[in-house]
Protein backbone atom coordinates (compact mmCIF):
# COMPACT_ATOMS: atom_id res chain seq x y z
CA UNK A 1 -8.93 13.61 14.66
CA UNK A 2 -7.68 12.29 11.30
CA UNK A 3 -4.09 12.78 12.48
CA UNK A 4 -4.86 10.45 15.42
CA UNK A 5 -6.31 7.80 13.09
CA UNK A 6 -3.29 8.04 10.77
CA UNK A 7 -1.03 7.76 13.82
CA UNK A 8 -2.87 4.67 15.07
CA UNK A 9 -2.54 2.93 11.71
CA UNK A 10 1.06 4.12 11.31
CA UNK A 11 2.02 2.71 14.72
CA UNK A 12 0.43 -0.61 13.75
CA UNK A 13 2.43 -0.70 10.49
CA UNK A 14 5.66 0.06 12.38
CA UNK A 15 4.88 -2.50 15.13
CA UNK A 16 4.25 -5.19 12.50
CA UNK A 17 7.52 -4.22 10.71
CA UNK A 18 5.61 -3.36 7.54
CA UNK A 19 7.35 0.03 7.31
CA UNK A 20 10.59 1.50 8.58
CA UNK A 21 11.58 5.12 9.16
CA UNK A 22 9.80 7.39 6.67
CA UNK A 23 8.81 4.69 4.18
CA UNK A 24 5.16 4.42 3.14
CA UNK A 25 2.10 6.62 3.29
CA UNK A 26 -1.56 6.58 4.25
CA UNK A 27 -4.60 8.32 2.78
CA UNK A 28 -8.38 8.51 2.92
CA UNK A 29 -10.80 9.85 0.37
CA UNK A 30 -12.48 13.09 1.41
CA UNK A 31 -15.20 14.03 -1.10
CA UNK A 32 -13.50 15.68 -4.09
CA UNK A 33 -10.10 15.41 -2.44
CA UNK A 34 -7.96 13.06 -0.42
CA UNK A 35 -6.13 13.45 2.86
CA UNK A 36 -2.60 12.00 2.73
CA UNK A 37 0.42 11.83 5.00
CA UNK A 38 3.16 14.39 4.54
CA UNK A 39 6.28 13.63 2.54
CA UNK A 40 9.11 12.38 4.74
CA UNK A 41 6.97 11.89 7.84
CA UNK A 42 7.39 8.94 10.17
CA UNK A 43 4.18 6.95 10.06
CA UNK A 44 4.16 6.30 13.80
CA UNK A 45 3.91 10.09 14.33
CA UNK A 46 2.62 11.43 11.00
CA UNK A 47 1.15 14.74 12.15
CA UNK A 48 -1.63 16.44 10.23
CA UNK A 49 -2.31 15.08 6.73
CA UNK A 50 -2.28 17.22 3.59
CA UNK A 51 -5.50 17.79 1.62
CA UNK A 52 -4.93 17.05 -2.09
CA UNK A 53 -7.61 17.72 -4.72
CA UNK A 54 -8.58 14.83 -7.00
CA UNK A 55 -7.74 17.10 -9.95
CA UNK A 56 -5.04 19.71 -10.34
CA UNK A 57 -1.81 20.38 -8.50
CA UNK A 58 -0.96 18.90 -5.13
CA UNK A 59 0.03 21.31 -2.37
CA UNK A 60 3.57 21.39 -1.03
CA UNK A 61 4.23 18.80 1.63
CA UNK A 62 2.01 16.03 0.22
CA UNK A 63 3.52 12.56 -0.04
CA UNK A 64 5.36 11.97 -3.31
CA UNK A 65 2.97 9.05 -3.94
CA UNK A 66 -0.12 11.30 -4.04
CA UNK A 67 -0.47 10.46 -7.77
CA UNK A 68 -0.99 6.77 -6.96
CA UNK A 69 -3.55 7.52 -4.27
CA UNK A 70 -5.38 9.95 -6.56
CA UNK A 71 -5.49 7.43 -9.44
CA UNK A 72 -6.83 4.72 -7.15
CA UNK A 73 -9.61 6.94 -5.79
CA UNK A 74 -10.56 8.05 -9.30
CA UNK A 75 -10.55 4.49 -10.67
CA UNK A 76 -11.94 2.39 -7.82
CA UNK A 77 -14.42 2.53 -4.96
CA UNK A 78 -11.82 2.38 -2.19
CA UNK A 79 -12.10 4.93 0.61
CA UNK A 80 -8.69 4.30 2.21
CA UNK A 81 -5.19 3.33 1.03
CA UNK A 82 -2.12 2.08 2.86
CA UNK A 83 1.26 2.02 1.12
CA UNK A 84 3.99 0.09 2.95
CA UNK A 85 7.38 -1.46 2.26
CA UNK A 86 7.13 -4.96 3.77
CA UNK A 87 10.44 -6.72 3.15
CA UNK A 88 9.12 -10.16 2.11
CA UNK A 89 6.56 -8.65 -0.26
CA UNK A 90 9.26 -6.49 -1.85
CA UNK A 91 11.56 -9.52 -2.21
CA UNK A 92 8.80 -11.69 -3.71
CA UNK A 93 7.96 -8.94 -6.21
CA UNK A 94 11.48 -9.26 -7.60
CA UNK A 95 10.94 -12.98 -8.26
CA UNK A 96 7.31 -13.25 -9.36
CA UNK A 97 4.97 -11.44 -11.76
CA UNK A 98 2.03 -12.21 -9.46
CA UNK A 99 1.77 -13.73 -6.01
CA UNK A 100 -0.57 -16.68 -5.53
CA UNK A 101 -0.76 -17.17 -1.78
CA UNK A 102 -0.36 -20.75 -0.58
CA UNK A 103 -1.38 -20.08 3.02
CA UNK A 104 -5.03 -20.53 3.97
CA UNK A 105 -5.76 -16.88 4.86
CA UNK A 106 -4.13 -15.62 1.67
CA UNK A 107 -5.96 -18.14 -0.51
CA UNK A 108 -9.28 -17.24 1.11
CA UNK A 109 -8.99 -13.41 1.29
CA UNK A 110 -6.82 -12.59 -1.71
CA UNK A 111 -6.07 -15.53 -4.01
CA UNK A 112 -4.02 -13.36 -6.39
CA UNK A 113 -1.80 -10.39 -5.60
CA UNK A 114 -0.75 -8.58 -8.78
CA UNK A 115 2.82 -7.33 -9.12
CA UNK A 116 2.93 -4.06 -11.05
CA UNK A 117 5.73 -1.89 -12.40
CA UNK A 118 6.54 1.79 -12.45
CA UNK A 119 8.97 4.19 -10.84
CA UNK A 120 7.88 5.61 -7.48
CA UNK A 121 6.01 8.90 -7.69
CA UNK A 122 5.18 8.58 -11.41
CA UNK A 123 1.97 8.48 -13.41
CA UNK A 124 3.12 5.11 -14.78
CA UNK A 125 3.08 3.62 -11.28
CA UNK A 126 -0.18 5.42 -10.45
CA UNK A 127 -1.96 3.86 -13.45
CA UNK A 128 -0.49 0.40 -12.83
CA UNK A 129 -1.50 0.39 -9.17
CA UNK A 130 -5.01 1.69 -9.91
CA UNK A 131 -5.46 -1.03 -12.55
CA UNK A 132 -4.15 -3.70 -10.17
CA UNK A 133 -6.38 -2.55 -7.32
CA UNK A 134 -9.29 -2.90 -9.70
CA UNK A 135 -8.55 -6.65 -9.66
CA UNK A 136 -7.47 -7.25 -6.05
CA UNK A 137 -7.46 -5.36 -2.75
CA UNK A 138 -3.65 -5.31 -2.61
CA UNK A 139 -0.86 -5.05 -5.18
CA UNK A 140 2.91 -5.01 -4.95
CA UNK A 141 4.90 -2.45 -6.90
CA UNK A 142 7.97 -4.37 -8.07
CA UNK A 143 10.90 -3.67 -5.76
CA UNK A 144 9.00 -0.90 -4.00
CA UNK A 145 6.16 -2.06 -1.74
CA UNK A 146 2.48 -2.79 -1.30
CA UNK A 147 -0.53 -0.61 -1.99
CA UNK A 148 -3.73 -1.84 -0.33
CA UNK A 149 -7.21 -0.41 -0.62
CA UNK A 150 -10.19 -0.77 1.64
CA UNK A 151 -13.42 0.72 2.89
CA UNK A 152 -11.44 1.76 5.99
CA UNK A 153 -7.80 2.19 6.95
CA UNK A 154 -8.09 -0.92 9.13
CA UNK A 155 -9.19 -2.97 6.12
CA UNK A 156 -6.34 -1.61 3.97
CA UNK A 157 -3.92 -2.37 6.81
CA UNK A 158 -5.27 -5.93 7.03
CA UNK A 159 -4.56 -6.51 3.33
CA UNK A 160 -1.06 -5.07 3.78
CA UNK A 161 -0.41 -7.57 6.58
CA UNK A 162 -1.96 -10.38 4.55
CA UNK A 163 0.31 -9.70 1.57
CA UNK A 164 3.42 -9.68 3.74
CA UNK A 165 2.41 -12.91 5.49
CA UNK A 166 1.60 -14.65 2.18
CA UNK A 167 4.91 -13.59 0.65
CA UNK A 168 6.86 -14.64 3.75
CA UNK A 169 5.26 -18.11 3.69
CA UNK A 170 5.84 -18.44 -0.06
CA UNK A 171 9.52 -17.50 0.21
CA UNK A 172 10.07 -19.87 3.17
CA UNK A 173 8.52 -22.79 1.28
CA UNK A 174 10.52 -22.00 -1.88
CA UNK A 175 13.76 -21.81 0.14
CA UNK A 176 12.98 -25.17 1.75
CA UNK A 177 12.28 -26.79 -1.63
CA UNK A 178 15.70 -25.71 -2.92
CA UNK A 179 17.52 -27.61 -0.19
């Protein structure tokens, strides 16, 4: 059943062009563990997730970003996480230290999107993302992508979409101003 839910969210991320190919990952908290997509899987057909304990070693096959998901679950109240690579959010993260949405939905739902640093798959990124998600429901890892938390996967997906939309609007307005 969880594989179907991950597939539904993964297909939505692909349809909205928030991920391509095998980029990104999805997880949900599961008591003293988390269920996460497999490394290298395509999110529109992710297959069965991998169960990773909140402490100790991760089993083979777990997404390389399991450290980030683990740190977020240990440091926040989120029950679901979506990590995507939306192109406008990635581009904006290379220009700004934080994103302040100028569109109405962004201003209302997430007035500040932190931009954090750290190499993918590292404890440095895990700690930065967990700290950022303590302040806002979505963060952007500089040059890498968004991490969004929510009570459900749908909520985390909504914040992923919101960040991409806000960054797209911001970049369009900035490009127009430079003319």
